[in-house]
Amino acid sequence: MKLRLDQASPIYQQIIDEFKRSIARGELGPGDKIPSQRELATMIQVNPNTVQRAYREMEQERIAETLRGQGTFITNDPGLVARVRREMADRALASFVREMHSLGYTKEAMTELVGEAYDQVIRGGAAGGDDDV
């Protein structure tokens, strides 16, 4: 797991978000084993209690499950990937819409800008583009 920690949000939330990104991208799938809490804490050099909180939250969100004596796994839920991708898309879109609205853009102008950005970044092959969806 590659995690660049920042000061903008709690570390445990950044851990959860990275697991969600890995699920959304297909890097992790239902039933996949994830590192133990201690292993992950060592890998990313954070307090084990922080990782414990992240795992507990992921279990509450039904993203992960711990099986005694076997380890922690991504929940074996066929709808998980779609649910996580949609949740992440909704958050990104809400943030985008709020910011653009505060700058005075209308719905129509936002739609046009998104189309232009898509063409430039994805179809144009510009650096920094994410996976084609």
C-alpha atoms as a PDB file:
ATOM      1  CA  MET A   1       0.000   0.000   0.000  1.00  0.00           C
ATOM      2  CA  LYS A   2       1.372   3.357  -1.018  1.00  0.00           C
ATOM      3  CA  LEU A   3       0.087   6.113   1.196  1.00  0.00           C
ATOM      4  CA  ARG A   4       1.207   9.718   1.162  1.00  0.00           C
ATOM      5  CA  LEU A   5       0.013  11.146   4.440  1.00  0.00           C
ATOM      6  CA  ASP A   6      -1.088  14.749   4.579  1.00  0.00           C
ATOM      7  CA  GLN A   7      -2.175  17.056   7.365  1.00  0.00           C
ATOM      8  CA  ALA A   8      -5.575  17.817   5.796  1.00  0.00           C
ATOM      9  CA  SER A   9      -7.464  14.825   7.212  1.00  0.00           C
ATOM     10  CA  PRO A  10      -7.035  12.242   9.977  1.00  0.00           C
ATOM     11  CA  ILE A  11      -4.566   9.461   9.201  1.00  0.00           C
ATOM     12  CA  TYR A  12      -7.117   6.719   9.907  1.00  0.00           C
ATOM     13  CA  GLN A  13      -9.438   8.271   7.294  1.00  0.00           C
ATOM     14  CA  GLN A  14      -6.604   8.448   4.769  1.00  0.00           C
ATOM     15  CA  ILE A  15      -5.987   4.719   5.326  1.00  0.00           C
ATOM     16  CA  ILE A  16      -9.676   3.947   4.741  1.00  0.00           C
ATOM     17  CA  ASP A  17      -9.734   6.133   1.627  1.00  0.00           C
ATOM     18  CA  GLU A  18      -6.666   4.362   0.207  1.00  0.00           C
ATOM     19  CA  PHE A  19      -8.311   0.961   0.680  1.00  0.00           C
ATOM     20  CA  LYS A  20     -11.440   2.305  -1.036  1.00  0.00           C
ATOM     21  CA  ARG A  21      -9.371   3.613  -3.962  1.00  0.00           C
ATOM     22  CA  SER A  22      -7.695   0.202  -4.260  1.00  0.00           C
ATOM     23  CA  ILE A  23     -11.113  -1.473  -4.322  1.00  0.00           C
ATOM     24  CA  ALA A  24     -12.531   1.005  -6.841  1.00  0.00           C
ATOM     25  CA  ARG A  25      -9.543   0.485  -9.149  1.00  0.00           C
ATOM     26  CA  GLY A  26      -9.804  -3.289  -8.929  1.00  0.00           C
ATOM     27  CA  GLU A  27      -6.456  -3.659  -7.140  1.00  0.00           C
ATOM     28  CA  LEU A  28      -8.308  -5.257  -4.224  1.00  0.00           C
ATOM     29  CA  GLY A  29     -11.410  -7.358  -4.631  1.00  0.00           C
ATOM     30  CA  PRO A  30     -13.970  -9.086  -2.451  1.00  0.00           C
ATOM     31  CA  GLY A  31     -12.320 -11.793  -0.366  1.00  0.00           C
ATOM     32  CA  ASP A  32      -8.768 -10.464  -0.750  1.00  0.00           C
ATOM     33  CA  LYS A  33      -6.615 -10.583   2.355  1.00  0.00           C
ATOM     34  CA  ILE A  34      -5.181  -7.288   3.590  1.00  0.00           C
ATOM     35  CA  PRO A  35      -2.160  -6.765   5.838  1.00  0.00           C
ATOM     36  CA  SER A  36      -2.578  -7.260   9.565  1.00  0.00           C
ATOM     37  CA  GLN A  37      -2.970  -4.105  11.584  1.00  0.00           C
ATOM     38  CA  ARG A  38       0.561  -4.447  12.916  1.00  0.00           C
ATOM     39  CA  GLU A  39       2.029  -5.076   9.446  1.00  0.00           C
ATOM     40  CA  LEU A  40       0.286  -2.049   7.970  1.00  0.00           C
ATOM     41  CA  ALA A  41       1.326   0.188  10.868  1.00  0.00           C
ATOM     42  CA  THR A  42       4.937  -0.831  10.271  1.00  0.00           C
ATOM     43  CA  MET A  43       4.661  -0.429   6.480  1.00  0.00           C
ATOM     44  CA  ILE A  44       3.319   3.121   6.619  1.00  0.00           C
ATOM     45  CA  GLN A  45       5.051   4.041   9.890  1.00  0.00           C
ATOM     46  CA  VAL A  46       2.055   5.080  11.952  1.00  0.00           C
ATOM     47  CA  ASN A  47       0.818   4.186  15.417  1.00  0.00           C
ATOM     48  CA  PRO A  48      -0.856   0.742  15.469  1.00  0.00           C
ATOM     49  CA  ASN A  49      -3.862   2.317  17.247  1.00  0.00           C
ATOM     50  CA  THR A  50      -4.437   4.490  14.184  1.00  0.00           C
ATOM     51  CA  VAL A  51      -4.553   1.440  11.916  1.00  0.00           C
ATOM     52  CA  GLN A  52      -6.785  -0.340  14.416  1.00  0.00           C
ATOM     53  CA  ARG A  53      -9.258   2.538  14.229  1.00  0.00           C
ATOM     54  CA  ALA A  54      -9.192   2.463  10.413  1.00  0.00           C
ATOM     55  CA  TYR A  55      -9.862  -1.286  10.356  1.00  0.00           C
ATOM     56  CA  ARG A  56     -12.667  -0.943  12.908  1.00  0.00           C
ATOM     57  CA  GLU A  57     -14.295   1.772  10.772  1.00  0.00           C
ATOM     58  CA  MET A  58     -13.919  -0.362   7.627  1.00  0.00           C
ATOM     59  CA  GLU A  59     -15.643  -3.235   9.430  1.00  0.00           C
ATOM     60  CA  GLN A  60     -18.489  -0.906  10.470  1.00  0.00           C
ATOM     61  CA  GLU A  61     -18.815   0.236   6.849  1.00  0.00           C
ATOM     62  CA  ARG A  62     -18.803  -3.430   5.768  1.00  0.00           C
ATOM     63  CA  ILE A  63     -15.699  -2.965   3.640  1.00  0.00           C
ATOM     64  CA  ALA A  64     -13.551  -5.404   5.612  1.00  0.00           C
ATOM     65  CA  GLU A  65     -14.077  -8.315   7.962  1.00  0.00           C
ATOM     66  CA  THR A  66     -11.726  -9.979  10.410  1.00  0.00           C
ATOM     67  CA  LEU A  67     -11.835 -13.739  10.764  1.00  0.00           C
ATOM     68  CA  ARG A  68     -10.320 -14.919  14.011  1.00  0.00           C
ATOM     69  CA  GLY A  69      -7.058 -16.722  13.405  1.00  0.00           C
ATOM     70  CA  GLN A  70      -7.131 -16.072   9.646  1.00  0.00           C
ATOM     71  CA  GLY A  71      -6.698 -12.323   9.248  1.00  0.00           C
ATOM     72  CA  THR A  72      -8.577  -9.400   7.784  1.00  0.00           C
ATOM     73  CA  PHE A  73     -10.198  -9.561   4.358  1.00  0.00           C
ATOM     74  CA  ILE A  74     -12.104  -7.301   2.004  1.00  0.00           C
ATOM     75  CA  THR A  75     -15.759  -8.179   2.531  1.00  0.00           C
ATOM     76  CA  ASN A  76     -16.924 -10.901   0.167  1.00  0.00           C
ATOM     77  CA  ASP A  77     -19.758  -8.796  -1.238  1.00  0.00           C
ATOM     78  CA  PRO A  78     -20.314  -8.818  -5.009  1.00  0.00           C
ATOM     79  CA  GLY A  79     -21.779  -5.291  -4.914  1.00  0.00           C
ATOM     80  CA  LEU A  80     -18.888  -3.852  -2.903  1.00  0.00           C
ATOM     81  CA  VAL A  81     -16.855  -2.511  -5.811  1.00  0.00           C
ATOM     82  CA  ALA A  82     -19.833  -0.712  -7.349  1.00  0.00           C
ATOM     83  CA  ARG A  83     -20.869   0.689  -3.962  1.00  0.00           C
ATOM     84  CA  VAL A  84     -17.381   1.988  -3.163  1.00  0.00           C
ATOM     85  CA  ARG A  85     -16.877   3.472  -6.636  1.00  0.00           C
ATOM     86  CA  ARG A  86     -20.231   5.254  -6.452  1.00  0.00           C
ATOM     87  CA  GLU A  87     -19.540   6.580  -2.948  1.00  0.00           C
ATOM     88  CA  MET A  88     -16.172   7.961  -4.059  1.00  0.00           C
ATOM     89  CA  ALA A  89     -17.669   9.477  -7.206  1.00  0.00           C
ATOM     90  CA  ASP A  90     -20.468  11.105  -5.203  1.00  0.00           C
ATOM     91  CA  ARG A  91     -17.969  12.687  -2.791  1.00  0.00           C
ATOM     92  CA  ALA A  92     -15.746  13.978  -5.600  1.00  0.00           C
ATOM     93  CA  LEU A  93     -18.723  15.349  -7.525  1.00  0.00           C
ATOM     94  CA  ALA A  94     -20.239  17.054  -4.477  1.00  0.00           C
ATOM     95  CA  SER A  95     -16.939  18.769  -3.751  1.00  0.00           C
ATOM     96  CA  PHE A  96     -16.562  19.808  -7.392  1.00  0.00           C
ATOM     97  CA  VAL A  97     -20.107  21.151  -7.652  1.00  0.00           C
ATOM     98  CA  ARG A  98     -19.851  23.129  -4.396  1.00  0.00           C
ATOM     99  CA  GLU A  99     -16.541  24.691  -5.466  1.00  0.00           C
ATOM    100  CA  MET A 100     -17.701  25.513  -8.993  1.00  0.00           C
ATOM    101  CA  HIS A 101     -21.000  26.941  -7.690  1.00  0.00           C
ATOM    102  CA  SER A 102     -19.067  29.159  -5.280  1.00  0.00           C
ATOM    103  CA  LEU A 103     -17.111  30.438  -8.294  1.00  0.00           C
ATOM    104  CA  GLY A 104     -20.378  31.368  -9.996  1.00  0.00           C
ATOM    105  CA  TYR A 105     -20.669  28.540 -12.534  1.00  0.00           C
ATOM    106  CA  THR A 106     -24.090  27.304 -13.607  1.00  0.00           C
ATOM    107  CA  LYS A 107     -24.990  23.640 -14.034  1.00  0.00           C
ATOM    108  CA  GLU A 108     -24.752  24.029 -17.802  1.00  0.00           C
ATOM    109  CA  ALA A 109     -21.332  25.700 -17.631  1.00  0.00           C
ATOM    110  CA  MET A 110     -20.056  22.964 -15.288  1.00  0.00           C
ATOM    111  CA  THR A 111     -21.279  20.275 -17.679  1.00  0.00           C
ATOM    112  CA  GLU A 112     -19.508  21.952 -20.583  1.00  0.00           C
ATOM    113  CA  LEU A 113     -16.276  22.326 -18.607  1.00  0.00           C
ATOM    114  CA  VAL A 114     -16.345  18.678 -17.547  1.00  0.00           C
ATOM    115  CA  GLY A 115     -16.755  17.587 -21.170  1.00  0.00           C
ATOM    116  CA  GLU A 116     -13.845  19.783 -22.248  1.00  0.00           C
ATOM    117  CA  ALA A 117     -11.641  18.556 -19.391  1.00  0.00           C
ATOM    118  CA  TYR A 118     -12.476  14.939 -20.190  1.00  0.00           C
ATOM    119  CA  ASP A 119     -11.519  15.418 -23.825  1.00  0.00           C
ATOM    120  CA  GLN A 120      -8.291  17.188 -22.920  1.00  0.00           C
ATOM    121  CA  VAL A 121      -7.140  14.938 -20.072  1.00  0.00           C
ATOM    122  CA  ILE A 122      -8.434  11.495 -21.059  1.00  0.00           C
ATOM    123  CA  ARG A 123      -8.816  11.512 -24.807  1.00  0.00           C
ATOM    124  CA  GLY A 124      -5.892  13.867 -25.359  1.00  0.00           C
ATOM    125  CA  GLY A 125      -3.649  11.690 -23.218  1.00  0.00           C
ATOM    126  CA  ALA A 126      -2.506  14.597 -21.056  1.00  0.00           C
ATOM    127  CA  ALA A 127      -0.287  13.749 -18.108  1.00  0.00           C
ATOM    128  CA  GLY A 128      -2.085  13.176 -14.840  1.00  0.00           C
ATOM    129  CA  GLY A 129      -5.163  11.522 -16.298  1.00  0.00           C
ATOM    130  CA  ASP A 130      -6.735   8.681 -14.341  1.00  0.00           C
ATOM    131  CA  ASP A 131      -8.002   5.387 -15.671  1.00  0.00           C
ATOM    132  CA  ASP A 132     -10.575   5.657 -18.459  1.00  0.00           C
ATOM    133  CA  VAL A 133     -13.994   4.937 -16.971  1.00  0.00           C
END
